[in-house]
Amino acid sequence: MRPLTEEETRILFLKLAEYIGRDVEALISSKKGSTSGNGGGRHVFRLHKDRVYYVSEAVMKTSSSISRDELMSLGTCFGKFSKSGKKFRLHITALDYLSQYAKHKIWVKSNAEMSFLYGNNITKSGLARITEGTPQYGGVVVYSMANGMDLPLGFGVAAQSTEKCKDLEAGANVVLHQSDIGEYLRIEDDLF
């Protein structure tokens, strides 16, 4: 486990900024604690076996007594760097944090939820609501409208801007799928 290099930090923050904008700073200096209940205080990003973990400083210091070979994971896995180290892919395990600070949101109809959870894109016919000002190719968090609760289902990239979505035909893609909570079952061996 080691701190990220400047280049790795830049790549990670650019990817996070697509979804949460300037709230990346709030993510690091969070004083209110995390959603997983692993303590408050400052949080840091650490690299372990090509995966980036988001962990409180207190837990990180405690884990320093465990050898690298024995350590399986630490905190919340945010994603993984490619073999070249030049690309970063967010994992579904980061959804709790992305949904807290999301700039752009999309809500899907109940009939389109299962399709999205199986890894398909969201079409205009499955779109219930979209935040104003969502740019084309901007990162979006996808929510369910079932039971009146805003339950985050996953995240993706907006295929069209908010203005263009109004004029689309029913079968046109609105969100290009990136990750969804169905991955916990589909690819559980590769997540951790």
N, C-alpha and C. Protein backbone atom coordinates (compact mmCIF):
# COMPACT_ATOMS: atom_id res chain seq x y z
N MET A 1 0.86 -1.18 0.00
CA MET A 1 0.00 0.00 0.00
C MET A 1 0.90 1.23 0.00
N ARG A 2 0.61 2.12 -0.93
CA ARG A 2 1.43 3.32 -1.03
C ARG A 2 0.57 4.51 -1.45
N PRO A 3 1.06 5.73 -1.20
CA PRO A 3 0.33 6.91 -1.69
C PRO A 3 0.38 6.97 -3.21
N LEU A 4 -0.57 7.65 -3.81
CA LEU A 4 -0.59 7.81 -5.26
C LEU A 4 0.49 8.79 -5.69
N THR A 5 1.06 8.57 -6.88
CA THR A 5 2.01 9.52 -7.43
C THR A 5 1.21 10.73 -7.94
N GLU A 6 1.91 11.79 -8.32
CA GLU A 6 1.22 12.98 -8.82
C GLU A 6 0.42 12.67 -10.08
N GLU A 7 0.98 11.88 -10.97
CA GLU A 7 0.28 11.52 -12.21
C GLU A 7 -0.96 10.67 -11.91
N GLU A 8 -0.82 9.70 -11.03
CA GLU A 8 -1.96 8.86 -10.65
C GLU A 8 -3.05 9.68 -9.98
N THR A 9 -2.65 10.62 -9.14
CA THR A 9 -3.62 11.49 -8.46
C THR A 9 -4.36 12.35 -9.48
N ARG A 10 -3.63 12.88 -10.45
CA ARG A 10 -4.26 13.70 -11.48
C ARG A 10 -5.28 12.90 -12.28
N ILE A 11 -4.92 11.68 -12.68
CA ILE A 11 -5.82 10.83 -13.44
C ILE A 11 -7.07 10.49 -12.61
N LEU A 12 -6.88 10.14 -11.35
CA LEU A 12 -8.00 9.82 -10.47
C LEU A 12 -8.93 11.01 -10.28
N PHE A 13 -8.36 12.19 -9.99
CA PHE A 13 -9.18 13.37 -9.74
C PHE A 13 -9.92 13.83 -11.00
N LEU A 14 -9.31 13.67 -12.18
CA LEU A 14 -10.01 14.01 -13.42
C LEU A 14 -11.22 13.10 -13.62
N LYS A 15 -11.06 11.80 -13.32
CA LYS A 15 -12.17 10.87 -13.46
C LYS A 15 -13.27 11.19 -12.45
N LEU A 16 -12.90 11.47 -11.20
CA LEU A 16 -13.90 11.81 -10.18
C LEU A 16 -14.60 13.13 -10.51
N ALA A 17 -13.86 14.09 -11.08
CA ALA A 17 -14.44 15.39 -11.41
C ALA A 17 -15.53 15.27 -12.49
N GLU A 18 -15.46 14.25 -13.32
CA GLU A 18 -16.52 14.03 -14.32
C GLU A 18 -17.86 13.79 -13.64
N TYR A 19 -17.85 13.20 -12.46
CA TYR A 19 -19.09 12.84 -11.77
C TYR A 19 -19.44 13.79 -10.63
N ILE A 20 -18.44 14.26 -9.88
CA ILE A 20 -18.76 15.07 -8.70
C ILE A 20 -18.21 16.49 -8.75
N GLY A 21 -17.54 16.86 -9.81
CA GLY A 21 -17.07 18.24 -9.97
C GLY A 21 -16.03 18.63 -8.92
N ARG A 22 -16.20 19.80 -8.35
CA ARG A 22 -15.23 20.33 -7.39
C ARG A 22 -15.38 19.71 -6.00
N ASP A 23 -16.34 18.85 -5.83
CA ASP A 23 -16.53 18.20 -4.53
C ASP A 23 -15.49 17.14 -4.23
N VAL A 24 -14.51 16.97 -5.10
CA VAL A 24 -13.41 16.06 -4.83
C VAL A 24 -12.69 16.52 -3.57
N GLU A 25 -12.56 17.84 -3.40
CA GLU A 25 -11.92 18.39 -2.19
C GLU A 25 -12.71 18.03 -0.95
N ALA A 26 -14.03 18.09 -1.02
CA ALA A 26 -14.88 17.73 0.12
C ALA A 26 -14.74 16.25 0.45
N LEU A 27 -14.51 15.44 -0.54
CA LEU A 27 -14.35 14.01 -0.33
C LEU A 27 -13.11 13.71 0.51
N ILE A 28 -12.04 14.45 0.26
CA ILE A 28 -10.79 14.21 0.98
C ILE A 28 -10.81 14.80 2.38
N SER A 29 -11.35 16.01 2.51
CA SER A 29 -11.32 16.69 3.81
C SER A 29 -12.60 16.47 4.60
N SER A 30 -13.31 15.38 4.33
CA SER A 30 -14.58 15.09 5.00
C SER A 30 -14.38 14.96 6.51
N LYS A 31 -15.11 15.77 7.26
CA LYS A 31 -15.03 15.73 8.72
C LYS A 31 -16.23 15.00 9.31
N LYS A 32 -17.25 14.75 8.49
CA LYS A 32 -18.47 14.16 9.02
C LYS A 32 -18.46 12.64 9.03
N GLY A 33 -17.39 12.02 8.56
CA GLY A 33 -17.36 10.56 8.51
C GLY A 33 -17.80 10.07 7.15
N SER A 34 -17.75 8.79 6.96
CA SER A 34 -18.10 8.21 5.67
C SER A 34 -19.37 7.42 5.76
N THR A 35 -19.91 7.02 4.62
CA THR A 35 -21.16 6.27 4.60
C THR A 35 -20.96 4.85 5.12
N SER A 36 -19.75 4.35 5.07
CA SER A 36 -19.53 2.98 5.52
C SER A 36 -19.24 2.91 7.01
N GLY A 37 -19.19 4.06 7.68
CA GLY A 37 -19.05 4.08 9.13
C GLY A 37 -17.66 3.75 9.61
N ASN A 38 -16.63 3.96 8.80
CA ASN A 38 -15.28 3.64 9.25
C ASN A 38 -14.57 4.82 9.88
N GLY A 39 -15.31 5.72 10.46
CA GLY A 39 -14.70 6.81 11.21
C GLY A 39 -14.67 8.11 10.45
N GLY A 40 -14.55 9.18 11.20
CA GLY A 40 -14.51 10.50 10.61
C GLY A 40 -13.07 10.93 10.37
N GLY A 41 -12.87 12.23 10.24
CA GLY A 41 -11.54 12.76 10.01
C GLY A 41 -11.19 12.78 8.54
N ARG A 42 -9.92 13.11 8.28
CA ARG A 42 -9.45 13.18 6.90
C ARG A 42 -9.40 11.80 6.27
N HIS A 43 -9.62 11.79 4.98
CA HIS A 43 -9.54 10.56 4.22
C HIS A 43 -8.47 10.71 3.14
N VAL A 44 -7.87 9.61 2.77
CA VAL A 44 -6.82 9.61 1.77
C VAL A 44 -7.07 8.51 0.76
N PHE A 45 -6.41 8.62 -0.38
CA PHE A 45 -6.44 7.57 -1.40
C PHE A 45 -5.12 6.83 -1.35
N ARG A 46 -5.19 5.51 -1.37
CA ARG A 46 -4.00 4.68 -1.35
C ARG A 46 -4.09 3.63 -2.44
N LEU A 47 -2.95 3.29 -3.03
CA LEU A 47 -2.87 2.30 -4.10
C LEU A 47 -2.36 0.99 -3.53
N HIS A 48 -3.08 -0.09 -3.84
CA HIS A 48 -2.67 -1.42 -3.42
C HIS A 48 -3.05 -2.40 -4.52
N LYS A 49 -2.07 -3.01 -5.14
CA LYS A 49 -2.30 -3.98 -6.23
C LYS A 49 -3.14 -3.39 -7.35
N ASP A 50 -2.77 -2.24 -7.87
CA ASP A 50 -3.42 -1.53 -8.98
C ASP A 50 -4.81 -0.99 -8.64
N ARG A 51 -5.27 -1.16 -7.43
CA ARG A 51 -6.58 -0.65 -7.02
C ARG A 51 -6.41 0.53 -6.08
N VAL A 52 -7.32 1.50 -6.23
CA VAL A 52 -7.27 2.70 -5.39
C VAL A 52 -8.32 2.57 -4.30
N TYR A 53 -7.88 2.75 -3.06
CA TYR A 53 -8.77 2.65 -1.91
C TYR A 53 -8.92 4.02 -1.25
N TYR A 54 -10.13 4.29 -0.79
CA TYR A 54 -10.46 5.51 -0.07
C TYR A 54 -10.61 5.12 1.39
N VAL A 55 -9.73 5.66 2.24
CA VAL A 55 -9.67 5.19 3.62
C VAL A 55 -9.38 6.36 4.56
N SER A 56 -9.90 6.28 5.77
CA SER A 56 -9.61 7.32 6.76
C SER A 56 -8.16 7.18 7.21
N GLU A 57 -7.57 8.29 7.61
CA GLU A 57 -6.17 8.26 8.05
C GLU A 57 -5.99 7.37 9.27
N ALA A 58 -6.96 7.35 10.17
CA ALA A 58 -6.85 6.54 11.38
C ALA A 58 -6.77 5.05 11.02
N VAL A 59 -7.60 4.59 10.11
CA VAL A 59 -7.58 3.19 9.69
C VAL A 59 -6.30 2.89 8.93
N MET A 60 -5.84 3.83 8.13
CA MET A 60 -4.61 3.63 7.37
C MET A 60 -3.42 3.45 8.31
N LYS A 61 -3.34 4.27 9.34
CA LYS A 61 -2.23 4.15 10.29
C LYS A 61 -2.29 2.82 11.04
N THR A 62 -3.48 2.39 11.38
CA THR A 62 -3.64 1.11 12.07
C THR A 62 -3.22 -0.05 11.18
N SER A 63 -3.50 0.05 9.90
CA SER A 63 -3.18 -1.04 8.98
C SER A 63 -1.70 -1.13 8.64
N SER A 64 -0.92 -0.15 9.02
CA SER A 64 0.51 -0.18 8.68
C SER A 64 1.25 -1.34 9.34
N SER A 65 0.65 -1.95 10.35
CA SER A 65 1.29 -3.09 11.00
C SER A 65 1.06 -4.40 10.24
N ILE A 66 0.24 -4.38 9.18
CA ILE A 66 -0.03 -5.57 8.38
C ILE A 66 0.84 -5.53 7.13
N SER A 67 1.47 -6.65 6.81
CA SER A 67 2.36 -6.68 5.64
C SER A 67 1.54 -6.57 4.35
N ARG A 68 2.18 -6.12 3.28
CA ARG A 68 1.51 -5.95 1.99
C ARG A 68 0.94 -7.27 1.46
N ASP A 69 1.65 -8.34 1.67
CA ASP A 69 1.20 -9.64 1.17
C ASP A 69 -0.06 -10.12 1.90
N GLU A 70 -0.18 -9.78 3.16
CA GLU A 70 -1.32 -10.21 3.97
C GLU A 70 -2.55 -9.33 3.78
N LEU A 71 -2.34 -8.08 3.37
CA LEU A 71 -3.43 -7.12 3.24
C LEU A 71 -4.23 -7.38 1.97
N MET A 72 -5.53 -7.63 2.13
CA MET A 72 -6.38 -7.89 0.96
C MET A 72 -7.01 -6.61 0.44
N SER A 73 -7.65 -5.84 1.32
CA SER A 73 -8.22 -4.56 0.93
C SER A 73 -8.27 -3.67 2.16
N LEU A 74 -8.56 -2.40 1.90
CA LEU A 74 -8.54 -1.43 2.98
C LEU A 74 -9.48 -0.30 2.62
N GLY A 75 -10.49 -0.04 3.42
CA GLY A 75 -11.42 1.03 3.13
C GLY A 75 -12.34 0.66 1.97
N THR A 76 -12.67 1.65 1.16
CA THR A 76 -13.57 1.45 0.02
C THR A 76 -12.77 1.49 -1.27
N CYS A 77 -12.92 0.46 -2.09
CA CYS A 77 -12.23 0.42 -3.38
C CYS A 77 -12.95 1.37 -4.33
N PHE A 78 -12.24 2.37 -4.84
CA PHE A 78 -12.84 3.33 -5.77
C PHE A 78 -12.68 2.91 -7.22
N GLY A 79 -11.67 2.11 -7.51
CA GLY A 79 -11.48 1.68 -8.88
C GLY A 79 -10.12 1.09 -9.09
N LYS A 80 -9.77 0.95 -10.36
CA LYS A 80 -8.54 0.26 -10.72
C LYS A 80 -7.85 0.98 -11.87
N PHE A 81 -6.53 1.05 -11.81
CA PHE A 81 -5.74 1.59 -12.91
C PHE A 81 -5.52 0.48 -13.94
N SER A 82 -5.44 0.88 -15.19
CA SER A 82 -5.14 -0.08 -16.26
C SER A 82 -3.70 -0.55 -16.11
N LYS A 83 -3.34 -1.55 -16.85
CA LYS A 83 -1.97 -2.08 -16.78
C LYS A 83 -0.94 -1.02 -17.16
N SER A 84 -1.29 -0.15 -18.10
CA SER A 84 -0.36 0.91 -18.51
C SER A 84 -0.28 2.01 -17.46
N GLY A 85 -1.29 2.09 -16.60
CA GLY A 85 -1.30 3.12 -15.56
C GLY A 85 -1.79 4.47 -16.05
N LYS A 86 -2.23 4.55 -17.30
CA LYS A 86 -2.66 5.82 -17.86
C LYS A 86 -4.18 6.02 -17.84
N LYS A 87 -4.92 4.96 -17.52
CA LYS A 87 -6.38 5.06 -17.46
C LYS A 87 -6.86 4.53 -16.12
N PHE A 88 -7.97 5.11 -15.67
CA PHE A 88 -8.56 4.70 -14.40
C PHE A 88 -10.02 4.36 -14.63
N ARG A 89 -10.46 3.24 -14.09
CA ARG A 89 -11.85 2.81 -14.22
C ARG A 89 -12.48 2.75 -12.84
N LEU A 90 -13.55 3.52 -12.66
CA LEU A 90 -14.28 3.50 -11.40
C LEU A 90 -15.03 2.18 -11.24
N HIS A 91 -15.06 1.68 -10.00
CA HIS A 91 -15.82 0.47 -9.69
C HIS A 91 -17.14 0.86 -9.06
N ILE A 92 -18.06 -0.06 -9.04
CA ILE A 92 -19.38 0.16 -8.47
C ILE A 92 -19.29 0.42 -6.96
N THR A 93 -18.22 -0.02 -6.33
CA THR A 93 -18.06 0.19 -4.89
C THR A 93 -17.93 1.67 -4.53
N ALA A 94 -17.65 2.52 -5.50
CA ALA A 94 -17.55 3.97 -5.26
C ALA A 94 -18.90 4.67 -5.37
N LEU A 95 -19.96 3.94 -5.68
CA LEU A 95 -21.26 4.54 -5.94
C LEU A 95 -21.81 5.33 -4.76
N ASP A 96 -21.62 4.85 -3.53
CA ASP A 96 -22.12 5.58 -2.35
C ASP A 96 -21.56 6.99 -2.29
N TYR A 97 -20.29 7.14 -2.61
CA TYR A 97 -19.65 8.45 -2.55
C TYR A 97 -20.01 9.30 -3.77
N LEU A 98 -20.09 8.69 -4.94
CA LEU A 98 -20.47 9.43 -6.13
C LEU A 98 -21.89 9.97 -6.00
N SER A 99 -22.79 9.18 -5.43
CA SER A 99 -24.19 9.62 -5.32
C SER A 99 -24.35 10.75 -4.30
N GLN A 100 -23.50 10.82 -3.30
CA GLN A 100 -23.56 11.92 -2.32
C GLN A 100 -23.25 13.26 -2.95
N TYR A 101 -22.29 13.28 -3.87
CA TYR A 101 -21.78 14.54 -4.41
C TYR A 101 -22.09 14.72 -5.90
N ALA A 102 -22.96 13.91 -6.48
CA ALA A 102 -23.19 13.92 -7.93
C ALA A 102 -23.68 15.28 -8.42
N LYS A 103 -23.08 15.74 -9.53
CA LYS A 103 -23.51 16.99 -10.18
C LYS A 103 -24.72 16.74 -11.07
N HIS A 104 -24.69 15.66 -11.81
CA HIS A 104 -25.73 15.36 -12.78
C HIS A 104 -26.37 14.02 -12.45
N LYS A 105 -27.70 14.02 -12.43
CA LYS A 105 -28.43 12.81 -12.05
C LYS A 105 -29.49 12.48 -13.10
N ILE A 106 -29.76 11.19 -13.20
CA ILE A 106 -30.80 10.71 -14.10
C ILE A 106 -31.63 9.69 -13.33
N TRP A 107 -32.95 9.81 -13.44
CA TRP A 107 -33.86 8.86 -12.81
C TRP A 107 -34.48 8.02 -13.92
N VAL A 108 -34.57 6.72 -13.69
CA VAL A 108 -35.14 5.82 -14.68
C VAL A 108 -36.52 5.33 -14.23
N LYS A 109 -37.34 5.01 -15.21
CA LYS A 109 -38.65 4.43 -14.92
C LYS A 109 -38.46 3.00 -14.42
N SER A 110 -39.44 2.50 -13.71
CA SER A 110 -39.32 1.16 -13.13
C SER A 110 -39.17 0.07 -14.19
N ASN A 111 -39.76 0.27 -15.37
CA ASN A 111 -39.64 -0.75 -16.42
C ASN A 111 -38.24 -0.77 -17.05
N ALA A 112 -37.43 0.24 -16.85
CA ALA A 112 -36.08 0.29 -17.43
C ALA A 112 -35.00 -0.08 -16.42
N GLU A 113 -35.37 -0.24 -15.16
CA GLU A 113 -34.38 -0.54 -14.12
C GLU A 113 -33.66 -1.85 -14.37
N MET A 114 -34.41 -2.92 -14.61
CA MET A 114 -33.79 -4.24 -14.78
C MET A 114 -32.86 -4.27 -16.00
N SER A 115 -33.25 -3.60 -17.05
CA SER A 115 -32.40 -3.54 -18.23
C SER A 115 -31.06 -2.89 -17.89
N PHE A 116 -31.11 -1.79 -17.14
CA PHE A 116 -29.87 -1.12 -16.74
C PHE A 116 -29.05 -2.00 -15.80
N LEU A 117 -29.72 -2.70 -14.88
CA LEU A 117 -29.02 -3.56 -13.93
C LEU A 117 -28.39 -4.79 -14.58
N TYR A 118 -28.82 -5.12 -15.80
CA TYR A 118 -28.19 -6.20 -16.56
C TYR A 118 -27.06 -5.68 -17.44
N GLY A 119 -26.75 -4.39 -17.37
CA GLY A 119 -25.62 -3.84 -18.10
C GLY A 119 -25.95 -3.14 -19.39
N ASN A 120 -27.23 -2.86 -19.64
CA ASN A 120 -27.62 -2.19 -20.88
C ASN A 120 -27.69 -0.67 -20.71
N ASN A 121 -27.62 0.04 -21.83
CA ASN A 121 -27.75 1.49 -21.82
C ASN A 121 -29.20 1.88 -21.53
N ILE A 122 -29.41 3.14 -21.13
CA ILE A 122 -30.75 3.64 -20.88
C ILE A 122 -31.22 4.39 -22.12
N THR A 123 -32.41 4.04 -22.59
CA THR A 123 -32.98 4.71 -23.76
C THR A 123 -33.94 5.81 -23.31
N LYS A 124 -34.37 6.61 -24.26
CA LYS A 124 -35.29 7.72 -23.98
C LYS A 124 -36.59 7.21 -23.36
N SER A 125 -37.06 6.04 -23.78
CA SER A 125 -38.31 5.50 -23.25
C SER A 125 -38.20 5.13 -21.78
N GLY A 126 -36.99 4.88 -21.28
CA GLY A 126 -36.79 4.53 -19.88
C GLY A 126 -36.43 5.71 -19.00
N LEU A 127 -36.28 6.89 -19.59
CA LEU A 127 -35.89 8.09 -18.85
C LEU A 127 -37.11 8.69 -18.15
N ALA A 128 -36.99 8.92 -16.84
CA ALA A 128 -38.07 9.57 -16.09
C ALA A 128 -37.76 11.05 -15.88
N ARG A 129 -36.56 11.34 -15.38
CA ARG A 129 -36.13 12.72 -15.13
C ARG A 129 -34.64 12.84 -15.38
N ILE A 130 -34.20 14.07 -15.63
CA ILE A 130 -32.78 14.36 -15.81
C ILE A 130 -32.53 15.76 -15.26
N THR A 131 -31.38 15.95 -14.61
CA THR A 131 -31.08 17.28 -14.08
C THR A 131 -30.81 18.24 -15.22
N GLU A 132 -31.19 19.48 -15.02
CA GLU A 132 -30.95 20.52 -16.03
C GLU A 132 -29.45 20.77 -16.17
N GLY A 133 -29.04 21.05 -17.37
CA GLY A 133 -27.64 21.41 -17.62
C GLY A 133 -26.69 20.23 -17.73
N THR A 134 -27.21 19.03 -17.87
CA THR A 134 -26.35 17.86 -18.04
C THR A 134 -25.71 17.93 -19.42
N PRO A 135 -24.37 17.95 -19.49
CA PRO A 135 -23.72 18.04 -20.80
C PRO A 135 -23.62 16.68 -21.48
N GLN A 136 -23.46 16.70 -22.78
CA GLN A 136 -23.23 15.45 -23.50
C GLN A 136 -21.87 14.90 -23.08
N TYR A 137 -21.81 13.61 -22.85
CA TYR A 137 -20.61 12.89 -22.41
C TYR A 137 -20.18 13.27 -20.99
N GLY A 138 -21.06 13.85 -20.22
CA GLY A 138 -20.77 14.14 -18.82
C GLY A 138 -21.14 12.94 -17.96
N GLY A 139 -20.45 12.78 -16.84
CA GLY A 139 -20.74 11.68 -15.93
C GLY A 139 -22.06 11.89 -15.21
N VAL A 140 -22.87 10.85 -15.12
CA VAL A 140 -24.17 10.92 -14.45
C VAL A 140 -24.33 9.74 -13.50
N VAL A 141 -25.06 9.98 -12.42
CA VAL A 141 -25.43 8.90 -11.51
C VAL A 141 -26.88 8.55 -11.80
N VAL A 142 -27.17 7.27 -11.92
CA VAL A 142 -28.49 6.79 -12.29
C VAL A 142 -29.24 6.37 -11.02
N TYR A 143 -30.47 6.87 -10.88
CA TYR A 143 -31.30 6.58 -9.71
C TYR A 143 -32.59 5.89 -10.13
N SER A 144 -33.15 5.15 -9.19
CA SER A 144 -34.45 4.52 -9.36
C SER A 144 -35.52 5.42 -8.77
N MET A 145 -36.70 5.42 -9.36
CA MET A 145 -37.81 6.21 -8.82
C MET A 145 -38.81 5.34 -8.08
N ALA A 146 -38.50 4.08 -7.87
CA ALA A 146 -39.42 3.15 -7.22
C ALA A 146 -39.68 3.56 -5.78
N ASN A 147 -40.92 3.47 -5.36
CA ASN A 147 -41.36 3.73 -3.99
C ASN A 147 -41.04 5.14 -3.52
N GLY A 148 -40.84 6.07 -4.43
CA GLY A 148 -40.58 7.46 -4.06
C GLY A 148 -39.21 7.70 -3.45
N MET A 149 -38.35 6.68 -3.42
CA MET A 149 -37.00 6.84 -2.88
C MET A 149 -36.01 7.02 -4.03
N ASP A 150 -34.99 7.83 -3.79
CA ASP A 150 -33.93 7.97 -4.78
C ASP A 150 -32.83 6.97 -4.45
N LEU A 151 -32.94 5.79 -5.02
CA LEU A 151 -31.97 4.73 -4.78
C LEU A 151 -30.95 4.72 -5.92
N PRO A 152 -29.66 4.93 -5.62
CA PRO A 152 -28.66 4.91 -6.70
C PRO A 152 -28.49 3.50 -7.25
N LEU A 153 -28.57 3.39 -8.57
CA LEU A 153 -28.44 2.10 -9.24
C LEU A 153 -27.09 1.91 -9.90
N GLY A 154 -26.43 3.01 -10.26
CA GLY A 154 -25.16 2.92 -10.95
C GLY A 154 -24.77 4.26 -11.53
N PHE A 155 -23.84 4.23 -12.45
CA PHE A 155 -23.42 5.47 -13.10
C PHE A 155 -23.05 5.20 -14.54
N GLY A 156 -23.00 6.28 -15.30
CA GLY A 156 -22.69 6.16 -16.72
C GLY A 156 -22.31 7.50 -17.30
N VAL A 157 -22.37 7.58 -18.61
CA VAL A 157 -22.04 8.80 -19.35
C VAL A 157 -23.27 9.23 -20.13
N ALA A 158 -23.60 10.50 -20.05
CA ALA A 158 -24.76 11.02 -20.78
C ALA A 158 -24.47 10.99 -22.28
N ALA A 159 -25.29 10.28 -23.03
CA ALA A 159 -25.11 10.20 -24.48
C ALA A 159 -25.60 11.46 -25.16
N GLN A 160 -26.52 12.17 -24.51
CA GLN A 160 -27.09 13.40 -25.05
C GLN A 160 -27.19 14.44 -23.93
N SER A 161 -27.18 15.70 -24.29
CA SER A 161 -27.38 16.75 -23.29
C SER A 161 -28.86 16.82 -22.91
N THR A 162 -29.16 17.54 -21.84
CA THR A 162 -30.54 17.67 -21.37
C THR A 162 -31.44 18.23 -22.47
N GLU A 163 -30.97 19.25 -23.17
CA GLU A 163 -31.78 19.88 -24.21
C GLU A 163 -32.08 18.94 -25.36
N LYS A 164 -31.11 18.13 -25.76
CA LYS A 164 -31.30 17.21 -26.88
C LYS A 164 -32.18 16.02 -26.50
N CYS A 165 -32.24 15.68 -25.21
CA CYS A 165 -33.05 14.54 -24.77
C CYS A 165 -34.53 14.75 -25.04
N LYS A 166 -34.96 16.00 -25.03
CA LYS A 166 -36.37 16.30 -25.21
C LYS A 166 -36.84 15.98 -26.62
N ASP A 167 -35.93 16.04 -27.60
CA ASP A 167 -36.30 15.84 -29.00
C ASP A 167 -35.96 14.46 -29.54
N LEU A 168 -35.48 13.56 -28.70
CA LEU A 168 -35.06 12.23 -29.17
C LEU A 168 -36.25 11.31 -29.40
N GLU A 169 -36.02 10.31 -30.24
CA GLU A 169 -37.04 9.28 -30.42
C GLU A 169 -36.91 8.27 -29.27
N ALA A 170 -37.91 7.44 -29.07
CA ALA A 170 -38.00 6.56 -27.90
C ALA A 170 -36.85 5.56 -27.78
N GLY A 171 -36.29 5.10 -28.86
CA GLY A 171 -35.23 4.09 -28.82
C GLY A 171 -33.82 4.63 -28.74
N ALA A 172 -33.65 5.94 -28.74
CA ALA A 172 -32.31 6.53 -28.73
C ALA A 172 -31.68 6.44 -27.34
N ASN A 173 -30.37 6.22 -27.29
CA ASN A 173 -29.66 6.13 -26.02
C ASN A 173 -29.56 7.49 -25.34
N VAL A 174 -29.82 7.48 -24.03
CA VAL A 174 -29.68 8.69 -23.22
C VAL A 174 -28.47 8.57 -22.31
N VAL A 175 -28.26 7.37 -21.75
CA VAL A 175 -27.12 7.12 -20.87
C VAL A 175 -26.37 5.89 -21.36
N LEU A 176 -25.06 6.02 -21.48
CA LEU A 176 -24.21 4.90 -21.83
C LEU A 176 -23.74 4.26 -20.53
N HIS A 177 -24.02 3.00 -20.37
CA HIS A 177 -23.75 2.27 -19.14
C HIS A 177 -22.26 2.21 -18.83
N GLN A 178 -21.90 2.47 -17.58
CA GLN A 178 -20.53 2.31 -17.10
C GLN A 178 -20.47 1.23 -16.02
N SER A 179 -21.35 1.34 -15.02
CA SER A 179 -21.35 0.40 -13.91
C SER A 179 -22.71 0.43 -13.22
N ASP A 180 -23.09 -0.70 -12.62
CA ASP A 180 -24.37 -0.77 -11.92
C ASP A 180 -24.28 -1.74 -10.75
N ILE A 181 -25.26 -1.70 -9.85
CA ILE A 181 -25.20 -2.54 -8.65
C ILE A 181 -25.38 -4.02 -8.97
N GLY A 182 -25.82 -4.36 -10.15
CA GLY A 182 -25.90 -5.75 -10.55
C GLY A 182 -24.52 -6.39 -10.70
N GLU A 183 -23.48 -5.58 -10.79
CA GLU A 183 -22.12 -6.11 -10.92
C GLU A 183 -21.66 -6.84 -9.67
N TYR A 184 -22.27 -6.53 -8.52
CA TYR A 184 -21.92 -7.27 -7.31
C TYR A 184 -22.15 -8.76 -7.50
N LEU A 185 -23.13 -9.12 -8.32
CA LEU A 185 -23.41 -10.53 -8.60
C LEU A 185 -22.73 -11.01 -9.87
N ARG A 186 -22.70 -10.17 -10.90
CA ARG A 186 -22.16 -10.61 -12.20
C ARG A 186 -20.65 -10.79 -12.19
N ILE A 187 -19.93 -9.88 -11.56
CA ILE A 187 -18.46 -9.94 -11.62
C ILE A 187 -17.85 -9.85 -10.22
N GLU A 188 -18.44 -10.54 -9.27
CA GLU A 188 -17.98 -10.45 -7.89
C GLU A 188 -16.53 -10.89 -7.70
N ASP A 189 -16.05 -11.80 -8.53
CA ASP A 189 -14.67 -12.28 -8.40
C ASP A 189 -13.65 -11.22 -8.78
N ASP A 190 -14.00 -10.30 -9.68
CA ASP A 190 -13.05 -9.30 -10.15
C ASP A 190 -13.11 -7.99 -9.39
N LEU A 191 -14.11 -7.80 -8.51
CA LEU A 191 -14.24 -6.52 -7.82
C LEU A 191 -13.15 -6.28 -6.79
N PHE A 192 -12.75 -7.30 -6.08
CA PHE A 192 -11.80 -7.08 -4.99
C PHE A 192 -10.52 -7.81 -5.19
